[in-house]
N, C-alpha and C. Protein backbone atom coordinates (compact mmCIF):
# COMPACT_ATOMS: atom_id res chain seq x y z
N MET A 1 105.34 113.64 86.05
CA MET A 1 105.05 112.57 85.12
C MET A 1 106.16 111.91 84.48
N LEU A 2 106.86 112.83 84.18
CA LEU A 2 108.67 112.06 84.08
C LEU A 2 109.42 111.59 84.64
N LEU A 3 108.99 112.32 86.32
CA LEU A 3 109.46 111.50 86.90
C LEU A 3 109.29 109.71 87.64
N PHE A 4 107.82 109.63 87.42
CA PHE A 4 107.35 108.40 87.72
C PHE A 4 107.51 107.41 86.54
N ALA A 5 107.48 107.95 85.11
CA ALA A 5 107.97 107.13 83.74
C ALA A 5 109.49 106.75 84.10
N MET A 6 110.61 107.66 84.74
CA MET A 6 111.74 107.09 84.66
C MET A 6 111.92 105.89 85.91
N VAL A 7 111.09 106.38 86.91
CA VAL A 7 110.74 105.23 87.84
C VAL A 7 110.72 103.96 87.39
N SER A 8 109.29 103.84 87.29
CA SER A 8 108.75 102.46 86.27
C SER A 8 110.28 101.88 85.40
N LEU A 9 110.45 102.68 84.46
CA LEU A 9 111.59 102.04 83.74
C LEU A 9 112.47 101.56 84.41
N ASN A 10 113.10 102.55 85.47
CA ASN A 10 114.09 101.72 85.87
C ASN A 10 113.91 100.68 87.27
N LEU A 11 112.72 100.53 87.83
CA LEU A 11 111.80 99.43 88.23
C LEU A 11 112.06 97.85 87.55
N SER A 12 111.42 98.19 86.37
CA SER A 12 111.14 97.22 85.61
C SER A 12 112.64 96.40 85.37
N ARG A 13 114.42 97.37 85.71
CA ARG A 13 115.18 96.54 85.29
C ARG A 13 115.70 95.87 86.47
N THR A 14 115.08 96.00 87.68
CA THR A 14 115.38 95.37 89.03
C THR A 14 114.92 94.06 88.80
N GLY A 15 115.24 93.08 89.96
CA GLY A 15 115.00 91.74 90.28
C GLY A 15 113.49 91.80 90.71
N ILE A 16 112.79 93.27 91.17
CA ILE A 16 111.37 93.09 91.70
C ILE A 16 110.49 93.88 90.31
N GLY A 17 111.38 93.98 89.70
CA GLY A 17 110.63 94.46 88.14
C GLY A 17 110.53 92.88 87.21
N ARG A 18 111.73 92.32 87.08
CA ARG A 18 111.21 91.33 86.97
C ARG A 18 110.27 89.80 87.65
N THR A 19 110.38 89.99 88.93
CA THR A 19 109.49 89.52 89.49
C THR A 19 108.01 89.54 89.27
N PHE A 20 107.76 91.06 88.92
CA PHE A 20 106.37 91.69 88.71
C PHE A 20 106.09 91.19 87.29
N ARG A 21 106.80 90.98 86.27
CA ARG A 21 106.83 90.62 84.91
C ARG A 21 106.60 89.00 85.08
N ALA A 22 107.17 88.29 85.53
CA ALA A 22 107.04 86.75 85.45
C ALA A 22 105.61 86.62 86.17
N VAL A 23 105.08 87.26 87.63
CA VAL A 23 103.49 87.34 87.53
C VAL A 23 102.83 87.67 87.03
N HIS A 24 103.07 88.55 86.52
CA HIS A 24 101.79 89.07 85.34
C HIS A 24 101.85 88.23 84.21
N GLU A 25 102.93 87.57 83.85
CA GLU A 25 103.04 86.82 82.18
C GLU A 25 102.27 85.59 82.90
N ASN A 26 102.31 84.63 84.41
CA ASN A 26 101.58 83.43 84.56
C ASN A 26 101.98 83.24 85.88
N ASP A 27 100.67 83.51 86.75
CA ASP A 27 101.48 83.60 87.85
C ASP A 27 101.42 82.03 88.60
N LEU A 28 100.71 81.16 87.78
CA LEU A 28 101.27 79.50 88.35
C LEU A 28 102.75 79.41 88.04
N ALA A 29 102.98 79.96 87.48
CA ALA A 29 105.02 79.59 86.86
C ALA A 29 105.49 80.10 87.69
N ALA A 30 104.91 81.57 88.10
CA ALA A 30 106.03 82.15 89.17
C ALA A 30 105.89 81.58 90.15
N ALA A 31 104.72 81.03 90.89
CA ALA A 31 104.47 80.42 92.14
C ALA A 31 105.21 79.49 92.05
N VAL A 32 105.52 78.34 90.97
CA VAL A 32 106.47 77.11 90.92
C VAL A 32 107.67 77.41 91.02
N LEU A 33 108.06 78.75 90.90
CA LEU A 33 109.39 78.93 91.01
C LEU A 33 109.67 79.41 91.97
N GLY A 34 108.92 79.64 93.03
CA GLY A 34 109.26 80.11 94.18
C GLY A 34 109.00 81.51 95.01
N ILE A 35 108.30 82.38 93.56
CA ILE A 35 107.80 83.64 94.03
C ILE A 35 106.48 83.66 94.85
N ASN A 36 106.56 84.48 95.46
CA ASN A 36 105.11 84.54 96.58
C ASN A 36 104.46 85.54 95.58
N VAL A 37 103.60 85.18 95.38
CA VAL A 37 102.41 85.96 94.23
C VAL A 37 101.97 86.90 95.41
N PHE A 38 101.21 86.32 96.12
CA PHE A 38 100.48 87.36 96.80
C PHE A 38 101.30 88.45 97.26
N LYS A 39 102.41 88.30 97.46
CA LYS A 39 103.27 89.40 98.27
C LYS A 39 103.60 90.58 96.75
N ASN A 40 103.69 90.02 95.87
CA ASN A 40 104.33 90.84 94.62
C ASN A 40 102.85 91.55 94.01
N LYS A 41 102.31 90.78 93.81
CA LYS A 41 100.83 91.22 93.78
C LYS A 41 100.42 92.70 94.17
N LEU A 42 100.77 92.71 95.77
CA LEU A 42 100.12 93.19 96.99
C LEU A 42 101.16 94.87 96.64
N LEU A 43 102.54 93.90 96.40
CA LEU A 43 103.26 95.19 96.05
C LEU A 43 103.16 95.92 95.00
N ALA A 44 102.83 95.49 93.92
CA ALA A 44 102.83 96.44 92.60
C ALA A 44 101.36 97.10 92.79
N PHE A 45 100.45 96.37 93.57
CA PHE A 45 99.62 97.36 93.63
C PHE A 45 99.56 98.66 94.39
N ALA A 46 100.48 98.38 95.66
CA ALA A 46 101.29 99.65 96.17
C ALA A 46 101.58 100.85 95.55
N VAL A 47 102.60 100.08 94.58
CA VAL A 47 103.72 101.10 93.93
C VAL A 47 102.68 101.56 93.03
N GLY A 48 101.63 100.79 92.23
CA GLY A 48 100.84 101.91 91.50
C GLY A 48 99.73 102.80 92.51
N GLY A 49 99.18 102.17 93.33
CA GLY A 49 98.67 103.17 94.02
C GLY A 49 99.07 104.28 94.66
N TYR A 50 100.33 104.22 95.14
CA TYR A 50 101.02 105.58 95.35
C TYR A 50 101.33 106.30 94.23
N MET A 51 101.51 106.02 92.96
CA MET A 51 101.73 106.73 91.78
C MET A 51 100.57 107.37 91.52
N ILE A 52 99.54 106.69 91.61
CA ILE A 52 97.90 107.31 91.43
C ILE A 52 97.49 108.51 92.21
N GLY A 53 97.87 108.12 93.39
CA GLY A 53 97.59 108.83 94.50
C GLY A 53 98.90 110.40 94.52
N VAL A 54 99.86 110.39 94.40
CA VAL A 54 100.89 111.24 93.97
C VAL A 54 99.86 112.14 92.60
N SER A 55 99.69 111.51 91.73
CA SER A 55 99.19 112.16 90.68
C SER A 55 97.85 112.97 90.95
N GLY A 56 96.96 112.23 91.50
CA GLY A 56 95.74 112.39 92.01
C GLY A 56 95.82 114.26 92.85
N GLY A 57 96.90 113.73 93.76
CA GLY A 57 97.25 115.00 94.65
C GLY A 57 97.42 116.34 93.87
N LEU A 58 98.18 116.26 92.68
CA LEU A 58 98.68 117.09 92.26
C LEU A 58 97.87 117.94 91.06
N PHE A 59 96.93 116.53 90.43
CA PHE A 59 95.93 117.28 90.15
C PHE A 59 95.06 117.91 90.63
N GLY A 60 94.73 117.54 91.80
CA GLY A 60 93.61 118.37 92.69
C GLY A 60 94.42 119.76 92.74
N PHE A 61 95.62 119.33 93.43
CA PHE A 61 96.31 120.98 93.20
C PHE A 61 96.32 122.18 92.27
N TYR A 62 96.43 121.38 91.24
CA TYR A 62 96.21 122.01 89.72
C TYR A 62 94.93 122.57 89.76
N LEU A 63 93.85 121.68 89.58
CA LEU A 63 92.61 122.36 89.70
C LEU A 63 92.06 123.42 91.10
N GLY A 64 92.68 123.00 91.68
CA GLY A 64 92.09 124.06 93.14
C GLY A 64 91.07 122.97 93.92
N PHE A 65 89.89 122.69 93.05
CA PHE A 65 88.92 121.84 93.49
C PHE A 65 88.43 120.81 93.18
N LEU A 66 87.97 119.63 94.00
CA LEU A 66 87.82 118.32 93.37
C LEU A 66 86.38 118.08 93.54
N ASN A 67 85.77 117.89 92.46
CA ASN A 67 84.37 117.21 92.44
C ASN A 67 84.13 116.02 91.97
N PRO A 68 83.61 115.11 92.61
CA PRO A 68 82.99 113.52 92.05
C PRO A 68 82.66 113.78 90.53
N GLY A 69 81.79 114.66 90.48
CA GLY A 69 81.16 114.86 89.21
C GLY A 69 82.04 114.75 88.00
N TYR A 70 83.32 115.02 88.27
CA TYR A 70 84.34 115.25 87.21
C TYR A 70 84.63 113.94 86.56
N PHE A 71 84.23 113.00 87.41
CA PHE A 71 85.59 111.67 87.39
C PHE A 71 83.96 110.86 86.76
N ASP A 72 84.02 110.85 85.46
CA ASP A 72 82.55 110.40 85.20
C ASP A 72 83.03 109.18 84.05
N LEU A 73 82.06 108.52 84.09
CA LEU A 73 81.82 107.46 82.64
C LEU A 73 83.15 107.71 81.20
N ALA A 74 83.05 109.00 80.84
CA ALA A 74 83.58 109.31 79.69
C ALA A 74 84.93 109.42 80.14
N LEU A 75 85.13 109.98 81.36
CA LEU A 75 86.88 110.43 81.52
C LEU A 75 87.40 108.60 81.61
N THR A 76 86.97 107.98 82.18
CA THR A 76 87.06 106.39 82.26
C THR A 76 87.18 105.75 81.20
N LEU A 77 86.54 106.13 79.97
CA LEU A 77 86.90 105.58 78.69
C LEU A 77 87.97 106.47 78.07
N GLU A 78 88.16 107.76 78.16
CA GLU A 78 89.28 108.27 77.76
C GLU A 78 90.38 107.54 78.25
N HIS A 79 90.55 107.14 79.65
CA HIS A 79 91.78 106.57 80.26
C HIS A 79 92.32 105.08 79.42
N TYR A 80 90.79 104.67 79.15
CA TYR A 80 91.27 103.26 78.83
C TYR A 80 91.55 103.36 77.63
N VAL A 81 91.02 103.98 76.67
CA VAL A 81 91.63 104.13 75.18
C VAL A 81 92.86 104.42 75.14
N MET A 82 93.70 105.51 76.08
CA MET A 82 95.04 105.83 76.45
C MET A 82 95.80 104.39 76.61
N LEU A 83 95.22 103.81 77.41
CA LEU A 83 96.21 102.24 77.90
C LEU A 83 96.07 101.22 76.96
N LEU A 84 94.90 101.09 76.50
CA LEU A 84 94.74 100.15 75.08
C LEU A 84 95.52 100.72 74.04
N PHE A 85 95.45 102.24 73.72
CA PHE A 85 96.29 102.30 72.22
C PHE A 85 97.65 102.20 72.37
N GLY A 86 98.09 102.65 73.61
CA GLY A 86 99.91 102.70 73.60
C GLY A 86 100.19 101.01 74.09
N GLY A 87 99.47 100.58 74.70
CA GLY A 87 99.61 99.05 75.14
C GLY A 87 99.46 98.69 76.65
N LEU A 88 99.34 97.79 76.94
CA LEU A 88 99.00 97.54 78.37
C LEU A 88 100.59 96.72 78.60
N GLY A 89 100.82 97.20 80.04
CA GLY A 89 102.10 96.86 80.47
C GLY A 89 103.31 97.35 79.92
N ARG A 90 103.80 98.58 79.25
CA ARG A 90 104.29 99.21 78.81
C ARG A 90 104.42 100.49 78.87
N VAL A 91 105.39 101.07 79.65
CA VAL A 91 106.16 102.63 79.98
C VAL A 91 105.90 103.29 78.82
N TRP A 92 106.49 103.08 77.82
CA TRP A 92 106.61 104.02 76.71
C TRP A 92 104.91 103.87 75.94
N GLY A 93 104.21 102.67 76.12
CA GLY A 93 103.04 102.53 75.44
C GLY A 93 102.06 103.48 76.11
N ALA A 94 102.15 103.66 77.27
CA ALA A 94 101.21 104.29 77.77
C ALA A 94 101.69 105.91 77.91
N LEU A 95 102.80 106.42 77.70
CA LEU A 95 103.23 107.98 77.30
C LEU A 95 102.62 108.01 76.34
N ILE A 96 102.64 107.12 74.86
CA ILE A 96 102.52 107.65 73.51
C ILE A 96 101.14 107.45 73.53
N GLY A 97 100.32 106.67 73.90
CA GLY A 97 98.62 106.45 73.89
C GLY A 97 98.29 107.71 74.90
N VAL A 98 98.67 108.50 75.69
CA VAL A 98 98.42 109.62 76.28
C VAL A 98 98.49 110.51 75.21
N GLY A 99 99.60 110.85 74.84
CA GLY A 99 100.36 111.93 73.79
C GLY A 99 99.36 111.80 72.59
N VAL A 100 99.10 110.65 71.88
CA VAL A 100 98.30 110.39 70.86
C VAL A 100 96.90 110.68 70.85
N VAL A 101 96.14 110.21 72.22
CA VAL A 101 94.53 110.11 72.07
C VAL A 101 94.15 111.69 72.56
N THR A 102 95.11 112.16 73.46
CA THR A 102 94.68 113.89 73.89
C THR A 102 94.93 114.78 72.42
N PHE A 103 96.23 114.40 71.69
CA PHE A 103 95.82 115.29 70.07
C PHE A 103 94.48 114.74 69.41
N ILE A 104 94.34 113.37 69.32
CA ILE A 104 92.87 113.33 69.07
C ILE A 104 91.46 113.58 69.37
N GLN A 105 91.57 113.83 70.53
CA GLN A 105 90.60 114.39 71.23
C GLN A 105 90.53 115.71 70.95
N GLU A 106 91.69 116.51 71.16
CA GLU A 106 91.41 117.74 71.14
C GLU A 106 91.00 118.41 69.87
N PHE A 107 91.72 117.69 68.68
CA PHE A 107 91.33 117.95 67.34
C PHE A 107 89.75 117.48 67.11
N LEU A 108 89.22 116.42 67.81
CA LEU A 108 88.08 115.90 67.28
C LEU A 108 86.78 117.16 68.20
N ARG A 109 87.25 117.40 69.37
CA ARG A 109 86.45 118.09 69.66
C ARG A 109 86.14 119.47 69.44
N GLY A 110 87.55 120.22 68.61
CA GLY A 110 87.18 121.30 68.04
C GLY A 110 86.62 121.38 66.82
N PHE A 111 86.95 120.25 66.07
CA PHE A 111 86.07 119.72 64.75
C PHE A 111 84.32 119.47 65.20
N LEU A 112 84.28 118.95 66.17
CA LEU A 112 82.64 118.68 66.41
C LEU A 112 82.31 120.00 66.70
N GLN A 113 82.68 120.88 67.40
CA GLN A 113 82.22 122.14 67.74
C GLN A 113 82.05 122.80 66.59
N GLU A 114 83.12 123.32 65.60
CA GLU A 114 82.53 123.51 64.52
C GLU A 114 81.44 122.92 63.76
N VAL A 115 80.99 121.74 63.63
CA VAL A 115 80.07 121.16 63.27
C VAL A 115 79.20 121.23 63.83
N SER A 116 79.17 121.15 65.46
CA SER A 116 77.37 122.05 65.85
C SER A 116 77.44 123.12 65.88
N ALA A 117 78.36 124.35 65.67
CA ALA A 117 77.81 125.62 64.94
C ALA A 117 77.09 125.46 64.20
N ALA A 118 77.90 124.90 62.67
CA ALA A 118 77.40 124.72 61.25
C ALA A 118 76.14 124.42 61.47
N THR A 119 75.35 122.99 62.11
CA THR A 119 74.47 122.36 62.10
C THR A 119 73.43 122.83 62.82
N GLY A 120 73.81 123.42 64.10
CA GLY A 120 72.62 123.79 65.49
C GLY A 120 72.33 122.68 65.80
N THR A 121 73.48 121.45 65.93
CA THR A 121 73.03 120.04 67.11
C THR A 121 74.29 119.83 67.96
N ASN A 122 74.34 119.10 68.73
CA ASN A 122 74.99 119.12 69.62
C ASN A 122 75.97 118.04 69.08
N ALA A 123 76.92 117.99 68.47
CA ALA A 123 77.95 117.02 67.96
C ALA A 123 79.18 116.48 68.60
N THR A 124 79.23 117.42 69.76
CA THR A 124 80.37 117.00 71.08
C THR A 124 80.06 115.73 71.50
N ALA A 125 78.75 115.17 71.56
CA ALA A 125 78.20 113.74 72.46
C ALA A 125 78.89 112.85 71.62
N LEU A 126 79.43 112.93 70.22
CA LEU A 126 79.86 112.02 69.65
C LEU A 126 81.43 111.61 69.94
N VAL A 127 82.07 112.59 70.92
CA VAL A 127 83.28 111.77 71.28
C VAL A 127 83.60 110.45 72.04
N SER A 128 82.35 110.09 72.68
CA SER A 128 82.82 108.81 73.26
C SER A 128 82.03 107.91 72.41
N VAL A 129 81.41 108.15 71.34
CA VAL A 129 81.12 107.08 69.94
C VAL A 129 82.56 107.06 69.39
N PHE A 130 83.16 108.14 69.37
CA PHE A 130 84.69 107.79 68.43
C PHE A 130 85.51 107.01 69.50
N PHE A 131 85.41 107.13 70.61
CA PHE A 131 86.94 106.49 71.54
C PHE A 131 86.26 105.24 71.93
N GLY A 132 85.10 104.73 71.53
CA GLY A 132 84.48 103.50 71.44
C GLY A 132 84.87 102.57 70.79
N ALA A 133 84.68 103.30 69.41
CA ALA A 133 85.16 102.74 67.81
C ALA A 133 86.80 102.79 67.57
N ILE A 134 87.34 103.21 68.75
CA ILE A 134 89.05 103.10 68.80
C ILE A 134 89.33 101.92 69.70
N ILE A 135 88.44 101.61 70.71
CA ILE A 135 88.74 100.39 71.75
C ILE A 135 88.32 99.22 70.39
N ILE A 136 87.11 99.21 70.19
CA ILE A 136 86.96 98.30 69.08
C ILE A 136 87.99 97.78 68.22
N VAL A 137 88.38 98.88 67.02
CA VAL A 137 89.35 98.84 66.42
C VAL A 137 90.71 97.99 67.11
N VAL A 138 91.29 98.78 68.24
CA VAL A 138 92.35 98.65 68.36
C VAL A 138 92.54 96.71 69.09
N LEU A 139 91.10 96.55 69.58
CA LEU A 139 91.30 94.84 70.26
C LEU A 139 91.11 94.12 69.16
N ALA A 140 90.11 94.64 67.82
CA ALA A 140 90.45 93.72 66.56
C ALA A 140 91.58 93.32 65.65
N VAL A 141 92.27 94.54 65.77
CA VAL A 141 93.71 94.52 64.97
C VAL A 141 94.66 94.44 65.54
N GLU A 142 95.11 95.27 67.00
CA GLU A 142 96.47 94.36 67.63
C GLU A 142 96.22 94.91 69.16
N PRO A 143 95.95 93.68 69.92
CA PRO A 143 95.37 93.89 71.23
C PRO A 143 96.44 94.18 71.96
N LYS A 144 97.75 94.42 71.67
CA LYS A 144 98.51 94.56 72.83
C LYS A 144 99.20 96.03 72.20
N GLY A 145 98.51 96.70 71.72
CA GLY A 145 98.32 98.12 71.48
C GLY A 145 99.79 98.36 70.15
N VAL A 146 99.53 99.67 70.15
CA VAL A 146 100.36 100.06 69.03
C VAL A 146 101.81 100.22 69.19
N LEU A 147 102.61 100.00 70.04
CA LEU A 147 103.58 99.74 70.65
C LEU A 147 104.31 98.37 70.17
N ALA A 148 103.42 97.48 70.73
CA ALA A 148 103.48 96.28 69.80
C ALA A 148 103.84 95.90 68.65
N ALA A 149 102.24 96.55 67.66
CA ALA A 149 102.58 96.72 66.54
C ALA A 149 104.13 97.46 65.70
N LEU A 150 104.18 98.61 66.70
CA LEU A 150 105.50 99.07 66.05
C LEU A 150 106.83 98.38 66.13
N GLY A 151 106.96 97.56 67.58
CA GLY A 151 108.07 96.34 67.28
C GLY A 151 107.89 95.49 66.33
N GLN A 152 106.91 95.02 65.78
CA GLN A 152 106.52 93.64 64.57
C GLN A 152 106.88 94.78 63.58
N LEU A 153 107.02 95.74 63.28
CA LEU A 153 107.66 96.50 62.22
C LEU A 153 108.70 96.72 62.23
N LYS A 154 109.01 97.20 63.59
CA LYS A 154 110.56 96.97 63.68
C LYS A 154 111.53 95.62 63.30
N ASP A 155 110.64 94.75 63.85
CA ASP A 155 111.55 93.06 63.32
C ASP A 155 111.61 92.90 61.90
N TYR A 156 110.61 93.34 61.44
CA TYR A 156 110.06 93.04 60.11
C TYR A 156 111.39 93.86 59.08
N LEU A 157 111.05 95.28 59.50
CA LEU A 157 112.21 95.75 59.10
C LEU A 157 113.63 95.78 58.98
N ARG A 158 113.86 95.17 60.17
CA ARG A 158 115.22 94.70 60.30
C ARG A 158 115.73 93.20 59.55
N ASN A 159 114.61 92.54 59.18
CA ASN A 159 114.89 91.40 57.89
C ASN A 159 114.48 91.52 56.97
N TRP A 160 114.44 92.83 56.28
CA TRP A 160 113.39 92.82 55.11
C TRP A 160 113.89 92.34 54.04
N PRO A 161 115.29 92.57 53.71
CA PRO A 161 115.37 92.00 52.38
C PRO A 161 115.39 90.59 52.52
N TYR A 162 115.92 90.00 53.27
CA TYR A 162 116.45 88.57 53.60
C TYR A 162 115.22 87.61 54.58
N ALA A 163 113.96 87.93 54.25
CA ALA A 163 112.60 87.21 55.27
C ALA A 163 112.48 86.29 54.61
N TYR A 164 113.30 85.15 54.76
CA TYR A 164 112.78 83.66 54.45
C TYR A 164 113.59 83.13 55.17
């Protein structure tokens, strides 16, 4: 993970990374500037696919056995929450999102297992409802993710005494 994070951070500082950012921001403007949009989108897809493929291979090696039943809608929802929470298009946002959401998920599962044992019901099914609520709140409050909100807070505090 750290290797791919470092590769992604360093890739964003190169000419290819700047081209990717230009295509991401506005592909029509990038095309007007002479950037081959199709080629760069295909290259970004290939780089991302390579990283996901290596990560999936390592995950399969870690588990020892892969079953398509493991990759259900709840796992997709968890990954979507991680990306939205941290912020799309930011390496540090993805890392922060994974860390925070994994911590919340483990805390919530432990808490809901205790509630299930105390009440005799299956309260662990509420994890997906909680993550759905997180998606709605994050998209309503800060659509660019928590990292963008932290950046705005940093800018505010940098100018705080003289914010006029």
